[in-house]
């Protein structure tokens, strides 16, 4: 059997294993690599070169930098500020999709989705629609945004590496923005105007439940001193909060409208919003500092019988956890007591909202016999850290665009600087890297190169070229994009890019087409699986929360696929024709 046939056989078996999902994708890639080694298609000295490939290093570094941006809270802050709170549903979902696409252009697609999912749920609830109306469009928007820059998705970096190997130079940071941006714009318009209407109305009690009620305190700042309570009540209503009691020092005062307020008064309120949102909307102050820790979460827990905390005050949480956790709110059972939080005692069945680092929660909850219900609240913005993180990120991009620095060096330097400055917690540096993706990339790179060096790619390109010979350029580019998209349904987009990149260049050479047009068609196709929940992680992530079925993706995604392929082919023909 020839080397070309062996390489094609290995690739075929690899494809079957990928599709079966019985073996992890990274392990499948390693199996393929060792098969190539055993058959002499990859030299032993070249087997591990994928781990040193600049594209792989760039992906790892970008994941670290993206995690730092996520933890800074700036991305979630932008999402909430940019999306109007009182606008109609169409305006809000349009703004959400645009923000999600922009975020995913410069950070990990999954992080962009996770950051904006709470906003999507809020928009659906406010419009009295199921979460399904916003979550799948949001997932698709984050995928569309990844097409627009070099770092939008790892597949783009892989294709840039292929271009450097085959043509002598990588893609520039914004080389794909013209075509990818137009494709994303058409896709976002479809999603906002038509796409969400094609989804079935299927309520999910678990995932469409409204946010839980919380009881907490808001403090009166100096600016409200000597104003009557009546002046504050409309602000509370605007913040979706209801006054339960007003306390001054240890005394509970009658909440009459003409009562003059004093600086430091504590208002006990109940709301579905957290206290930081309520404080922002009312102009009051939240005694619980949301920005006091990064990578912090709010966990809603229930006190189990036998807990060591029963009978103690809420400050016992901080004492028993060594100051790692604090009570920031309590459940609606506190309404009947109307006591200051400091005077309430913990009882079995109480709901508590604890805030602290996620790593500190699990051991404490187990030891204190607390049962976690869910985790809430976006990461708050820490202004100084956020500004420094964004500055480092911006300098890295500027170094690539204006300084000609490679993405691997620029983002590796940015990751090192963020770690040195402690702008990303030390424990998050390596945790933020998806090592399964790194292994998949590193193992598939020599496998993909063996497909080319063995002559199998040339044979496949010749067959594809013969089938496309004599047809208009727009049809050729549409066919390359569609073939890539079809493969991405069964493979992930990284493996698809590794296989299709060199093949597209060979086809372009045979047909006398611009190589960049063919490569960009692959770039768009590799990130366009809108037909199944398995082609992209973001599609899978929203399947449960949205209550979707497998066929729902094709229902909304099929028209989008047609629009993406047609727009990409038309734009590439206009640009390179």
Foldseek 3Di string as FASTA:
>chain_A
DFLLVQLVVLVVVLLVCLQVVPDFLLVSLQVSLVSCPVVVLFPPVRQQVLLVQLLLLLLLLQLLLQVLLQLQAVLLVCLVVQADDPDDLLSRLLSLLVSLLQSLLRHPLVSSLVSSLVVLLSSCVVNVAASLLRQLSNSLSSLLSLLFFCNSDSLSSVLQSLCCVPVVGGDFGGNRNVLSVVLSVVLSVCSSPPQSVLFDRDHDCVQNDQAAKWKAKWFAAQVQAQPFLLVQVVLQVQLQKDFQWKDDPQDTDDNDRRDGDHGGIITIIMGSDAPVSSCVSRVTHQPDDLQPDTQKWKWKKFQAPPFPQAFHAQCVLCVVLVNQKGFRTWHPVCSVVSGHSRPDGDHGGIITIMMGHPVSPVVVCVNRVIGTDDIDDRRHRDPVLSVVSVVLSVVLSCCRNPVVDDSSVSSVVSSVVCVVVVSDPPVVSNVSGPVSVSSSSSSLLSSLVSVVVSCNLLVVLVVLLVVCAPPDQLVSLLVLLQVLLVSLVSHELNNSSSNSSVSQQSNCVSRVFPSVLSSSSNSLSSSQNQQFLPSDVSSVVCCVSSVDDGRSSNSSRVVSSVSSSNSSSVSSVVVGD
